Amino acid sequence: MAKGEQSTREFADWSLACSGTSLFVARELDRISAAMVSEPYNSNRDLRRLLGELAL
């Protein structure tokens, strides 16, 4: 598979809703996005961790 492509969704049974601006989430997403080129493995791990924390 090419970079960034997946054949299936990892969180297919999740539904998401927005309850307003979260500075923490915005900062984390900015940090993860900036690291995607230099540290793709760590960035993917960090994004999964963040999504897991939001699901709790």
Protein backbone atom coordinates (compact mmCIF):
# COMPACT_ATOMS: atom_id res chain seq x y z
CA MET A 1 0.00 0.00 0.00
CA ALA A 2 1.13 3.56 -0.65
CA LYS A 3 1.81 5.94 2.20
CA GLY A 4 -1.34 7.03 3.97
CA GLU A 5 -3.66 4.56 2.26
CA GLN A 6 -5.62 1.90 4.06
CA SER A 7 -8.05 -0.65 2.70
CA THR A 8 -10.26 -0.56 5.81
CA ARG A 9 -11.01 1.90 8.60
CA GLU A 10 -9.28 1.13 11.89
CA PHE A 11 -12.11 2.66 13.92
CA ALA A 12 -15.04 1.70 11.68
CA ASP A 13 -17.56 1.40 14.52
CA TRP A 14 -16.75 4.79 16.06
CA SER A 15 -18.91 7.83 15.62
CA LEU A 16 -17.55 11.26 16.39
CA ALA A 17 -19.11 14.51 17.45
CA CYS A 18 -17.66 17.94 18.04
CA SER A 19 -18.52 19.70 21.27
CA GLY A 20 -16.45 22.81 20.65
CA THR A 21 -12.87 23.91 20.30
CA SER A 22 -10.31 22.02 22.32
CA LEU A 23 -6.93 23.70 22.60
CA PHE A 24 -5.35 20.47 23.81
CA VAL A 25 -6.59 18.50 20.81
CA ALA A 26 -5.63 21.29 18.39
CA ARG A 27 -2.09 21.44 19.83
CA GLU A 28 -1.71 17.66 19.73
CA LEU A 29 -2.93 17.45 16.13
CA ASP A 30 -0.55 20.25 15.11
CA ARG A 31 2.35 18.48 16.81
CA ILE A 32 1.47 15.12 15.25
CA SER A 33 1.01 16.66 11.79
CA ALA A 34 4.38 18.41 11.99
CA ALA A 35 6.11 15.15 12.93
CA MET A 36 4.47 13.04 10.19
CA VAL A 37 7.34 13.52 7.71
CA SER A 38 10.25 13.00 10.08
CA GLU A 39 8.70 10.42 12.42
CA PRO A 40 5.80 8.65 10.67
CA TYR A 41 5.78 5.62 13.00
CA ASN A 42 5.73 7.72 16.17
CA SER A 43 3.15 10.08 14.66
CA ASN A 44 0.79 7.20 13.83
CA ARG A 45 1.23 5.81 17.34
CA ASP A 46 0.55 9.23 18.90
CA LEU A 47 -2.55 9.77 16.75
CA ARG A 48 -3.93 6.36 17.71
CA ARG A 49 -3.27 7.13 21.37
CA LEU A 50 -5.04 10.50 21.10
CA LEU A 51 -8.06 8.93 19.37
CA GLY A 52 -8.16 6.22 22.04
CA GLU A 53 -8.20 8.82 24.80
CA LEU A 54 -11.02 10.72 23.11
CA ALA A 55 -13.10 7.54 22.93
CA LEU A 56 -13.05 6.93 26.69
